């Protein structure tokens, strides 16, 4: 969702209301920063400005013991079910579950089968 906003999809953040308490997982901050590091010279300054604004504006949920416990439960669930998930996605889901937040994503299927994780789909 944030990547789409950075690329100019102006309506990509419309799914979030102005009154909502928005936060991102620490791993999401890392993913955004990797995008800056990998940007070519043409895009780096614009991308860095966008990411800096996000990181200065949005709360960042740290990966703490509460989130680690939720992450462990979700990882165990995916292993029992035989449905592997990406490590970063599980950290995002664990952060949402532990902090009672909703994951807003264009990839609803990536989070749909995770117990205790609320998901709101962003229109593509």
C-alpha atoms as a PDB file:
ATOM      1  CA  UNK A   1       0.000   0.000   0.000  1.00  0.00           C
ATOM      2  CA  UNK A   2       2.742   2.471   0.910  1.00  0.00           C
ATOM      3  CA  UNK A   3       4.732   1.415  -2.134  1.00  0.00           C
ATOM      4  CA  UNK A   4       1.719   2.147  -4.355  1.00  0.00           C
ATOM      5  CA  UNK A   5       1.332   5.567  -2.735  1.00  0.00           C
ATOM      6  CA  UNK A   6       4.981   6.353  -3.358  1.00  0.00           C
ATOM      7  CA  UNK A   7       4.598   5.387  -6.997  1.00  0.00           C
ATOM      8  CA  UNK A   8       1.798   7.906  -7.405  1.00  0.00           C
ATOM      9  CA  UNK A   9      -1.315   5.807  -6.943  1.00  0.00           C
ATOM     10  CA  UNK A  10      -3.080   8.717  -5.235  1.00  0.00           C
ATOM     11  CA  UNK A  11      -6.087   6.678  -4.149  1.00  0.00           C
ATOM     12  CA  UNK A  12      -3.995   3.904  -2.572  1.00  0.00           C
ATOM     13  CA  UNK A  13      -4.364   5.435   0.894  1.00  0.00           C
ATOM     14  CA  UNK A  14      -8.101   6.169   0.556  1.00  0.00           C
ATOM     15  CA  UNK A  15      -8.939   2.933   2.375  1.00  0.00           C
ATOM     16  CA  UNK A  16      -7.644   4.570   5.588  1.00  0.00           C
ATOM     17  CA  UNK A  17      -9.854   7.160   7.237  1.00  0.00           C
ATOM     18  CA  UNK A  18      -8.449  10.427   8.579  1.00  0.00           C
ATOM     19  CA  UNK A  19      -9.551   9.559  12.114  1.00  0.00           C
ATOM     20  CA  UNK A  20      -7.780   6.187  12.209  1.00  0.00           C
ATOM     21  CA  UNK A  21      -4.740   5.503  14.362  1.00  0.00           C
ATOM     22  CA  UNK A  22      -2.184   4.365  11.797  1.00  0.00           C
ATOM     23  CA  UNK A  23       0.990   2.471  12.601  1.00  0.00           C
ATOM     24  CA  UNK A  24       3.422   0.246  10.750  1.00  0.00           C
ATOM     25  CA  UNK A  25       5.436  -2.728  11.880  1.00  0.00           C
ATOM     26  CA  UNK A  26       9.158  -2.195  12.363  1.00  0.00           C
ATOM     27  CA  UNK A  27       9.792  -4.642   9.503  1.00  0.00           C
ATOM     28  CA  UNK A  28       7.695  -2.427   7.222  1.00  0.00           C
ATOM     29  CA  UNK A  29       9.982   0.492   8.062  1.00  0.00           C
ATOM     30  CA  UNK A  30      12.937  -1.707   7.114  1.00  0.00           C
ATOM     31  CA  UNK A  31      11.288  -2.665   3.817  1.00  0.00           C
ATOM     32  CA  UNK A  32      10.713   1.004   2.986  1.00  0.00           C
ATOM     33  CA  UNK A  33      14.324   1.835   3.835  1.00  0.00           C
ATOM     34  CA  UNK A  34      15.586  -1.012   1.643  1.00  0.00           C
ATOM     35  CA  UNK A  35      13.659   0.582  -1.204  1.00  0.00           C
ATOM     36  CA  UNK A  36      15.601   3.787  -0.652  1.00  0.00           C
ATOM     37  CA  UNK A  37      18.907   1.923  -0.529  1.00  0.00           C
ATOM     38  CA  UNK A  38      18.142   0.066  -3.772  1.00  0.00           C
ATOM     39  CA  UNK A  39      16.774   3.070  -5.675  1.00  0.00           C
ATOM     40  CA  UNK A  40      18.700   4.255  -8.686  1.00  0.00           C
ATOM     41  CA  UNK A  41      20.098   7.781  -8.733  1.00  0.00           C
ATOM     42  CA  UNK A  42      17.055   9.067 -10.621  1.00  0.00           C
ATOM     43  CA  UNK A  43      14.538   7.935  -7.975  1.00  0.00           C
ATOM     44  CA  UNK A  44      16.557   7.885  -4.769  1.00  0.00           C
ATOM     45  CA  UNK A  45      15.935  11.461  -3.628  1.00  0.00           C
ATOM     46  CA  UNK A  46      12.179  11.290  -4.238  1.00  0.00           C
ATOM     47  CA  UNK A  47      11.898   7.879  -2.592  1.00  0.00           C
ATOM     48  CA  UNK A  48      14.004   8.977   0.380  1.00  0.00           C
ATOM     49  CA  UNK A  49      11.854  12.070   0.888  1.00  0.00           C
ATOM     50  CA  UNK A  50       8.663   9.978   0.760  1.00  0.00           C
ATOM     51  CA  UNK A  51       9.984   7.352   3.201  1.00  0.00           C
ATOM     52  CA  UNK A  52      11.319  10.001   5.579  1.00  0.00           C
ATOM     53  CA  UNK A  53       7.898  11.661   5.641  1.00  0.00           C
ATOM     54  CA  UNK A  54       6.184   8.339   6.373  1.00  0.00           C
ATOM     55  CA  UNK A  55       8.630   7.439   9.152  1.00  0.00           C
ATOM     56  CA  UNK A  56       8.275  10.880  10.748  1.00  0.00           C
ATOM     57  CA  UNK A  57       4.473  10.816  10.541  1.00  0.00           C
ATOM     58  CA  UNK A  58       3.387   7.250  11.250  1.00  0.00           C
ATOM     59  CA  UNK A  59       3.918   5.396  14.520  1.00  0.00           C
ATOM     60  CA  UNK A  60       6.236   2.421  14.290  1.00  0.00           C
ATOM     61  CA  UNK A  61       5.378  -0.634  16.363  1.00  0.00           C
ATOM     62  CA  UNK A  62       8.606  -2.195  17.672  1.00  0.00           C
ATOM     63  CA  UNK A  63       9.190  -5.930  17.527  1.00  0.00           C
ATOM     64  CA  UNK A  64       8.946  -6.750  21.229  1.00  0.00           C
ATOM     65  CA  UNK A  65       8.241  -9.864  23.296  1.00  0.00           C
ATOM     66  CA  UNK A  66       4.463  -9.539  22.898  1.00  0.00           C
ATOM     67  CA  UNK A  67       4.825  -9.439  19.128  1.00  0.00           C
ATOM     68  CA  UNK A  68       7.415 -12.229  19.236  1.00  0.00           C
ATOM     69  CA  UNK A  69       4.848 -14.432  21.015  1.00  0.00           C
ATOM     70  CA  UNK A  70       2.194 -13.655  18.377  1.00  0.00           C
ATOM     71  CA  UNK A  71       4.791 -14.286  15.660  1.00  0.00           C
ATOM     72  CA  UNK A  72       5.657 -17.679  17.173  1.00  0.00           C
ATOM     73  CA  UNK A  73       1.975 -18.649  17.344  1.00  0.00           C
ATOM     74  CA  UNK A  74       1.407 -17.658  13.713  1.00  0.00           C
ATOM     75  CA  UNK A  75       4.569 -19.414  12.545  1.00  0.00           C
ATOM     76  CA  UNK A  76       3.545 -22.588  14.378  1.00  0.00           C
ATOM     77  CA  UNK A  77       0.066 -22.344  12.824  1.00  0.00           C
ATOM     78  CA  UNK A  78       1.444 -22.007   9.280  1.00  0.00           C
ATOM     79  CA  UNK A  79       3.795 -24.945   9.804  1.00  0.00           C
ATOM     80  CA  UNK A  80       1.011 -27.156  11.189  1.00  0.00           C
ATOM     81  CA  UNK A  81      -1.229 -26.214   8.277  1.00  0.00           C
ATOM     82  CA  UNK A  82       1.540 -26.707   5.720  1.00  0.00           C
ATOM     83  CA  UNK A  83       0.977 -23.201   4.341  1.00  0.00           C
ATOM     84  CA  UNK A  84       4.255 -21.329   4.399  1.00  0.00           C
ATOM     85  CA  UNK A  85       4.259 -17.543   4.606  1.00  0.00           C
ATOM     86  CA  UNK A  86       7.021 -15.046   4.083  1.00  0.00           C
ATOM     87  CA  UNK A  87       8.924 -14.034   7.193  1.00  0.00           C
ATOM     88  CA  UNK A  88       8.194 -10.334   6.777  1.00  0.00           C
ATOM     89  CA  UNK A  89       4.493 -10.896   6.180  1.00  0.00           C
ATOM     90  CA  UNK A  90       4.255 -12.975   9.349  1.00  0.00           C
ATOM     91  CA  UNK A  91       5.974 -10.223  11.329  1.00  0.00           C
ATOM     92  CA  UNK A  92       3.473  -7.706   9.978  1.00  0.00           C
ATOM     93  CA  UNK A  93       0.588 -10.050  10.833  1.00  0.00           C
ATOM     94  CA  UNK A  94       2.002 -10.700  14.311  1.00  0.00           C
ATOM     95  CA  UNK A  95       2.340  -6.973  14.935  1.00  0.00           C
ATOM     96  CA  UNK A  96      -1.284  -6.418  13.912  1.00  0.00           C
ATOM     97  CA  UNK A  97      -2.522  -9.334  16.017  1.00  0.00           C
ATOM     98  CA  UNK A  98      -0.567  -8.364  19.128  1.00  0.00           C
ATOM     99  CA  UNK A  99      -1.536  -4.690  18.945  1.00  0.00           C
ATOM    100  CA  UNK A 100      -5.149  -5.355  17.915  1.00  0.00           C
ATOM    101  CA  UNK A 101      -4.715  -3.520  14.630  1.00  0.00           C
ATOM    102  CA  UNK A 102      -5.886  -4.317  11.116  1.00  0.00           C
ATOM    103  CA  UNK A 103      -3.551  -5.149   8.253  1.00  0.00           C
ATOM    104  CA  UNK A 104      -4.389  -2.991   5.237  1.00  0.00           C
ATOM    105  CA  UNK A 105      -3.088  -4.687   2.110  1.00  0.00           C
ATOM    106  CA  UNK A 106      -3.700  -5.370  -1.560  1.00  0.00           C
ATOM    107  CA  UNK A 107      -2.667  -8.983  -0.819  1.00  0.00           C
ATOM    108  CA  UNK A 108      -5.583 -10.156   1.309  1.00  0.00           C
ATOM    109  CA  UNK A 109      -4.812 -13.798   0.478  1.00  0.00           C
ATOM    110  CA  UNK A 110      -1.381 -13.420   2.052  1.00  0.00           C
ATOM    111  CA  UNK A 111      -3.014 -12.817   5.450  1.00  0.00           C
ATOM    112  CA  UNK A 112      -6.468 -14.423   5.159  1.00  0.00           C
ATOM    113  CA  UNK A 113      -5.730 -17.772   6.804  1.00  0.00           C
ATOM    114  CA  UNK A 114      -3.927 -16.370   9.842  1.00  0.00           C
ATOM    115  CA  UNK A 115      -5.911 -16.713  13.092  1.00  0.00           C
ATOM    116  CA  UNK A 116      -6.552 -13.518  15.013  1.00  0.00           C
ATOM    117  CA  UNK A 117      -5.361 -11.278  12.186  1.00  0.00           C
ATOM    118  CA  UNK A 118      -7.853  -8.733  10.904  1.00  0.00           C
ATOM    119  CA  UNK A 119      -7.390  -7.734   7.262  1.00  0.00           C
ATOM    120  CA  UNK A 120      -8.828  -4.879   5.229  1.00  0.00           C
ATOM    121  CA  UNK A 121      -8.294  -5.083   1.500  1.00  0.00           C
ATOM    122  CA  UNK A 122      -7.004  -2.118  -0.425  1.00  0.00           C
ATOM    123  CA  UNK A 123      -8.425  -1.822  -3.924  1.00  0.00           C
ATOM    124  CA  UNK A 124      -5.896  -2.551  -6.619  1.00  0.00           C
END
